[in-house]
N, C-alpha and C. Protein backbone atom coordinates (compact mmCIF):
# COMPACT_ATOMS: atom_id res chain seq x y z
N MET A 1 100.47 117.66 93.55
CA MET A 1 99.11 118.15 93.51
C MET A 1 98.66 118.35 92.08
N TYR A 2 97.40 118.23 91.91
CA TYR A 2 96.79 118.43 90.61
C TYR A 2 96.64 119.94 90.39
N GLU A 3 97.02 120.42 89.24
CA GLU A 3 97.08 121.86 89.00
C GLU A 3 95.85 122.49 88.33
N ALA A 4 94.96 121.71 87.81
CA ALA A 4 93.81 122.27 87.09
C ALA A 4 92.70 122.66 88.06
N ARG A 5 92.29 123.89 88.02
CA ARG A 5 91.17 124.34 88.84
C ARG A 5 89.86 124.10 88.10
N ASP A 6 88.83 123.83 88.85
CA ASP A 6 87.49 123.61 88.30
C ASP A 6 87.46 122.45 87.30
N SER A 7 88.30 121.47 87.49
CA SER A 7 88.29 120.27 86.66
C SER A 7 87.16 119.37 87.14
N VAL A 8 86.60 118.59 86.25
CA VAL A 8 85.55 117.65 86.63
C VAL A 8 86.10 116.57 87.56
N TYR A 9 87.43 116.44 87.62
CA TYR A 9 88.07 115.44 88.46
C TYR A 9 88.40 115.96 89.86
N CYS A 10 88.09 117.24 90.11
CA CYS A 10 88.39 117.87 91.39
C CYS A 10 87.10 118.23 92.13
N TYR A 11 87.23 118.39 93.44
CA TYR A 11 86.10 118.91 94.20
C TYR A 11 85.86 120.35 93.77
N PRO A 12 84.61 120.78 93.71
CA PRO A 12 84.28 122.13 93.24
C PRO A 12 85.06 123.22 93.99
N GLY A 13 85.67 124.12 93.22
CA GLY A 13 86.40 125.24 93.79
C GLY A 13 87.77 124.90 94.35
N THR A 14 88.24 123.68 94.12
CA THR A 14 89.56 123.29 94.63
C THR A 14 90.36 122.63 93.52
N ASN A 15 91.62 122.32 93.84
CA ASN A 15 92.41 121.51 92.92
C ASN A 15 92.72 120.16 93.55
N THR A 16 91.87 119.73 94.49
CA THR A 16 91.99 118.43 95.15
C THR A 16 91.19 117.40 94.38
N LEU A 17 91.88 116.36 93.96
CA LEU A 17 91.21 115.31 93.19
C LEU A 17 90.15 114.61 94.02
N VAL A 18 89.03 114.29 93.41
CA VAL A 18 87.99 113.51 94.06
C VAL A 18 88.59 112.16 94.44
N ASN A 19 88.34 111.71 95.67
CA ASN A 19 88.93 110.47 96.14
C ASN A 19 87.89 109.67 96.91
N LYS A 20 88.17 108.39 97.09
CA LYS A 20 87.22 107.48 97.74
C LYS A 20 86.99 107.82 99.21
N LEU A 21 87.95 108.49 99.84
CA LEU A 21 87.83 108.82 101.25
C LEU A 21 87.15 110.16 101.48
N ASN A 22 86.84 110.86 100.39
CA ASN A 22 86.17 112.16 100.45
C ASN A 22 87.00 113.18 101.23
N ILE A 23 88.33 113.10 101.12
CA ILE A 23 89.23 114.06 101.75
C ILE A 23 89.32 115.25 100.81
N ARG A 24 88.82 116.39 101.24
CA ARG A 24 88.77 117.57 100.38
C ARG A 24 89.93 118.53 100.61
N ASP A 25 90.60 118.41 101.75
CA ASP A 25 91.74 119.28 102.05
C ASP A 25 92.99 118.69 101.40
N ALA A 26 93.65 119.47 100.56
CA ALA A 26 94.80 118.99 99.80
C ALA A 26 95.94 118.52 100.70
N ASN A 27 96.19 119.24 101.79
CA ASN A 27 97.27 118.85 102.70
C ASN A 27 96.97 117.55 103.41
N LYS A 28 95.72 117.37 103.84
CA LYS A 28 95.33 116.12 104.50
C LYS A 28 95.43 114.95 103.53
N LEU A 29 95.01 115.16 102.29
CA LEU A 29 95.09 114.10 101.29
C LEU A 29 96.54 113.75 101.01
N ASP A 30 97.40 114.75 100.90
CA ASP A 30 98.82 114.52 100.66
C ASP A 30 99.44 113.72 101.81
N ASN A 31 99.12 114.10 103.05
CA ASN A 31 99.63 113.36 104.21
C ASN A 31 99.13 111.93 104.23
N TYR A 32 97.86 111.74 103.91
CA TYR A 32 97.29 110.39 103.88
C TYR A 32 98.00 109.54 102.82
N GLU A 33 98.20 110.09 101.64
CA GLU A 33 98.85 109.34 100.57
C GLU A 33 100.28 108.96 100.95
N LYS A 34 101.01 109.89 101.56
CA LYS A 34 102.38 109.59 102.01
C LYS A 34 102.38 108.49 103.07
N SER A 35 101.44 108.54 103.99
CA SER A 35 101.35 107.51 105.03
C SER A 35 101.06 106.14 104.45
N MET A 36 100.16 106.09 103.47
CA MET A 36 99.81 104.81 102.87
C MET A 36 100.97 104.23 102.07
N VAL A 37 101.70 105.08 101.37
CA VAL A 37 102.87 104.61 100.62
C VAL A 37 103.92 104.07 101.59
N ALA A 38 104.16 104.78 102.69
CA ALA A 38 105.13 104.32 103.69
C ALA A 38 104.70 102.99 104.30
N LEU A 39 103.42 102.85 104.59
CA LEU A 39 102.91 101.60 105.16
C LEU A 39 103.07 100.44 104.19
N LYS A 40 102.73 100.65 102.93
CA LYS A 40 102.88 99.60 101.91
C LYS A 40 104.35 99.24 101.73
N LEU A 41 105.24 100.23 101.78
CA LEU A 41 106.66 99.97 101.63
C LEU A 41 107.18 99.12 102.79
N MET A 42 106.75 99.45 104.01
CA MET A 42 107.15 98.64 105.17
C MET A 42 106.66 97.21 105.04
N ALA A 43 105.40 97.04 104.65
CA ALA A 43 104.84 95.71 104.49
C ALA A 43 105.58 94.94 103.40
N PHE A 44 105.96 95.62 102.34
CA PHE A 44 106.69 94.99 101.25
C PHE A 44 108.06 94.53 101.72
N LYS A 45 108.74 95.37 102.51
CA LYS A 45 110.05 95.01 103.03
C LYS A 45 109.97 93.80 103.96
N VAL A 46 108.95 93.75 104.80
CA VAL A 46 108.74 92.59 105.68
C VAL A 46 108.50 91.35 104.84
N LEU A 47 107.73 91.47 103.80
CA LEU A 47 107.44 90.34 102.93
C LEU A 47 108.71 89.84 102.24
N ILE A 48 109.58 90.75 101.81
CA ILE A 48 110.84 90.35 101.18
C ILE A 48 111.70 89.57 102.16
N VAL A 49 111.78 90.01 103.40
CA VAL A 49 112.55 89.28 104.42
C VAL A 49 111.94 87.90 104.62
N TYR A 50 110.63 87.83 104.71
CA TYR A 50 109.95 86.56 104.90
C TYR A 50 110.23 85.60 103.75
N ILE A 51 110.16 86.12 102.54
CA ILE A 51 110.40 85.27 101.36
C ILE A 51 111.84 84.80 101.31
N SER A 52 112.77 85.65 101.74
CA SER A 52 114.17 85.22 101.73
C SER A 52 114.41 84.09 102.73
N GLU A 53 113.62 84.03 103.80
CA GLU A 53 113.74 82.95 104.78
C GLU A 53 112.92 81.73 104.39
N PHE A 54 111.84 81.94 103.68
CA PHE A 54 110.96 80.85 103.27
C PHE A 54 110.67 80.96 101.77
N PRO A 55 111.64 80.56 100.93
CA PRO A 55 111.47 80.75 99.48
C PRO A 55 110.27 80.02 98.88
N SER A 56 109.81 78.98 99.54
CA SER A 56 108.68 78.24 98.97
C SER A 56 107.39 79.07 99.01
N TYR A 57 107.39 80.17 99.74
CA TYR A 57 106.20 81.02 99.81
C TYR A 57 106.32 82.26 98.94
N ALA A 58 107.11 82.18 97.90
CA ALA A 58 107.32 83.33 97.02
C ALA A 58 106.03 83.79 96.34
N PHE A 59 105.05 82.89 96.22
CA PHE A 59 103.77 83.29 95.62
C PHE A 59 103.11 84.41 96.42
N ALA A 60 103.47 84.55 97.69
CA ALA A 60 102.89 85.60 98.52
C ALA A 60 103.25 86.98 97.97
N LEU A 61 104.44 87.10 97.40
CA LEU A 61 104.84 88.38 96.82
C LEU A 61 103.93 88.76 95.67
N ARG A 62 103.61 87.82 94.81
CA ARG A 62 102.70 88.10 93.70
C ARG A 62 101.32 88.50 94.22
N ASN A 63 100.82 87.77 95.21
CA ASN A 63 99.51 88.09 95.76
C ASN A 63 99.51 89.47 96.42
N PHE A 64 100.58 89.80 97.12
CA PHE A 64 100.67 91.12 97.77
C PHE A 64 100.68 92.22 96.72
N SER A 65 101.49 92.05 95.69
CA SER A 65 101.60 93.11 94.69
C SER A 65 100.30 93.27 93.91
N MET A 66 99.56 92.21 93.71
CA MET A 66 98.29 92.30 92.99
C MET A 66 97.23 93.01 93.84
N LYS A 67 97.31 92.86 95.16
CA LYS A 67 96.30 93.46 96.03
C LYS A 67 96.69 94.85 96.51
N SER A 68 97.93 95.26 96.25
CA SER A 68 98.41 96.52 96.81
C SER A 68 97.79 97.75 96.16
N THR A 69 97.17 97.58 95.02
CA THR A 69 96.52 98.71 94.38
C THR A 69 95.25 98.25 93.69
N SER A 70 94.27 99.09 93.71
CA SER A 70 93.01 98.72 93.07
C SER A 70 93.12 98.71 91.55
N LEU A 71 94.21 99.27 91.02
CA LEU A 71 94.39 99.33 89.57
C LEU A 71 95.07 98.08 89.02
N SER A 72 95.64 97.25 89.91
CA SER A 72 96.33 96.05 89.45
C SER A 72 95.31 94.99 89.06
N THR A 73 95.40 94.55 87.84
CA THR A 73 94.55 93.46 87.38
C THR A 73 95.42 92.48 86.62
N PRO A 74 95.10 91.20 86.70
CA PRO A 74 95.90 90.23 85.96
C PRO A 74 95.73 90.41 84.47
N SER A 75 96.79 90.14 83.74
CA SER A 75 96.68 90.23 82.27
C SER A 75 95.86 89.05 81.78
N ALA A 76 95.45 89.11 80.54
CA ALA A 76 94.55 88.10 79.98
C ALA A 76 95.14 86.69 80.04
N GLY A 77 96.44 86.56 79.83
CA GLY A 77 97.05 85.23 79.81
C GLY A 77 97.54 84.74 81.15
N MET A 78 97.33 85.51 82.20
CA MET A 78 97.87 85.17 83.50
C MET A 78 96.92 84.26 84.27
N ALA A 79 97.42 83.14 84.73
CA ALA A 79 96.61 82.21 85.50
C ALA A 79 96.56 82.69 86.95
N LEU A 80 95.40 82.58 87.57
CA LEU A 80 95.28 82.96 88.97
C LEU A 80 95.45 81.79 89.85
């Protein structure tokens, strides 16, 4: 959890970070984040099994990892 109260990055009067889903309850946000991480981990594990069976589709791993977070962006020299 974020520890700063009354931060511009938090909902007023809370220490819950402003988020795209507008979840203001810290416990609900924490549960949501844990669920999403677990879901992404499961999908990643399935993809690893798939790639081990079909190595010619290894590019799928790169595409998955690039789409798994909104913060992932290709570097300047990376071809898409």
